[in-house]
Amino acid sequence: MVYKKHPVHKILIYSDQDEKSRLKWLEQVDHSFLSDDFKTKYKTLIEERFIRLG
């Protein structure tokens, strides 16, 4: 199941596999040794990359 950006609501719904991958990446960042500030920035970067892939 794959959804693309909705033109009116401007939301992005990921495929099941993409969502699992995205959540795993974010979880890895949460469990890392990085500072909270860096974690926030890195997670934002990951989200932006997944939006580009979508």
Protein backbone atom coordinates (compact mmCIF):
# COMPACT_ATOMS: atom_id res chain seq x y z
CA MET A 1 0.00 0.00 0.00
CA VAL A 2 1.62 3.23 -1.16
CA TYR A 3 0.15 6.70 -0.84
CA LYS A 4 1.59 9.91 -2.20
CA LYS A 5 1.22 13.48 -0.99
CA HIS A 6 -2.38 14.57 -0.73
CA PRO A 7 -2.70 17.81 -2.75
CA VAL A 8 -5.19 19.47 -0.40
CA HIS A 9 -4.06 18.36 3.04
CA LYS A 10 -0.34 18.26 2.20
CA ILE A 11 0.26 15.15 4.24
CA LEU A 12 2.45 12.23 3.33
CA ILE A 13 1.47 8.66 4.07
CA TYR A 14 4.28 6.16 3.72
CA SER A 15 4.07 2.62 2.49
CA ASP A 16 4.22 0.05 5.28
CA GLN A 17 7.86 -0.77 4.49
CA ASP A 18 8.88 2.89 4.31
CA GLU A 19 7.16 3.58 7.61
CA LYS A 20 8.99 0.70 9.29
CA SER A 21 12.31 1.92 7.92
CA ARG A 22 11.62 5.49 8.99
CA LEU A 23 10.69 4.42 12.51
CA LYS A 24 13.81 2.25 12.79
CA TRP A 25 16.03 5.16 11.76
CA LEU A 26 14.38 7.46 14.29
CA GLU A 27 14.68 4.82 17.00
CA GLN A 28 18.40 4.39 16.28
CA VAL A 29 18.90 8.12 16.68
CA ASP A 30 16.95 8.12 19.96
CA HIS A 31 19.20 5.38 21.37
CA SER A 32 22.43 6.95 20.20
CA PHE A 33 25.03 8.79 22.24
CA LEU A 34 24.31 12.08 20.46
CA SER A 35 23.22 15.22 22.29
CA ASP A 36 19.51 15.98 22.37
CA ASP A 37 19.99 19.01 20.15
CA PHE A 38 21.86 16.97 17.54
CA LYS A 39 19.26 14.18 17.75
CA THR A 40 16.50 16.64 16.97
CA LYS A 41 18.36 18.03 13.97
CA TYR A 42 19.33 14.59 12.68
CA LYS A 43 15.75 13.32 13.00
CA THR A 44 14.54 16.36 11.05
CA LEU A 45 17.03 15.52 8.31
CA ILE A 46 15.80 11.91 8.20
CA GLU A 47 12.19 13.08 7.90
CA GLU A 48 13.12 15.42 5.04
CA ARG A 49 14.86 12.59 3.20
CA PHE A 50 11.86 10.31 3.53
CA ILE A 51 9.61 13.06 2.20
CA ARG A 52 11.88 13.35 -0.86
CA LEU A 53 11.69 9.60 -1.38
CA GLY A 54 7.90 9.65 -1.12
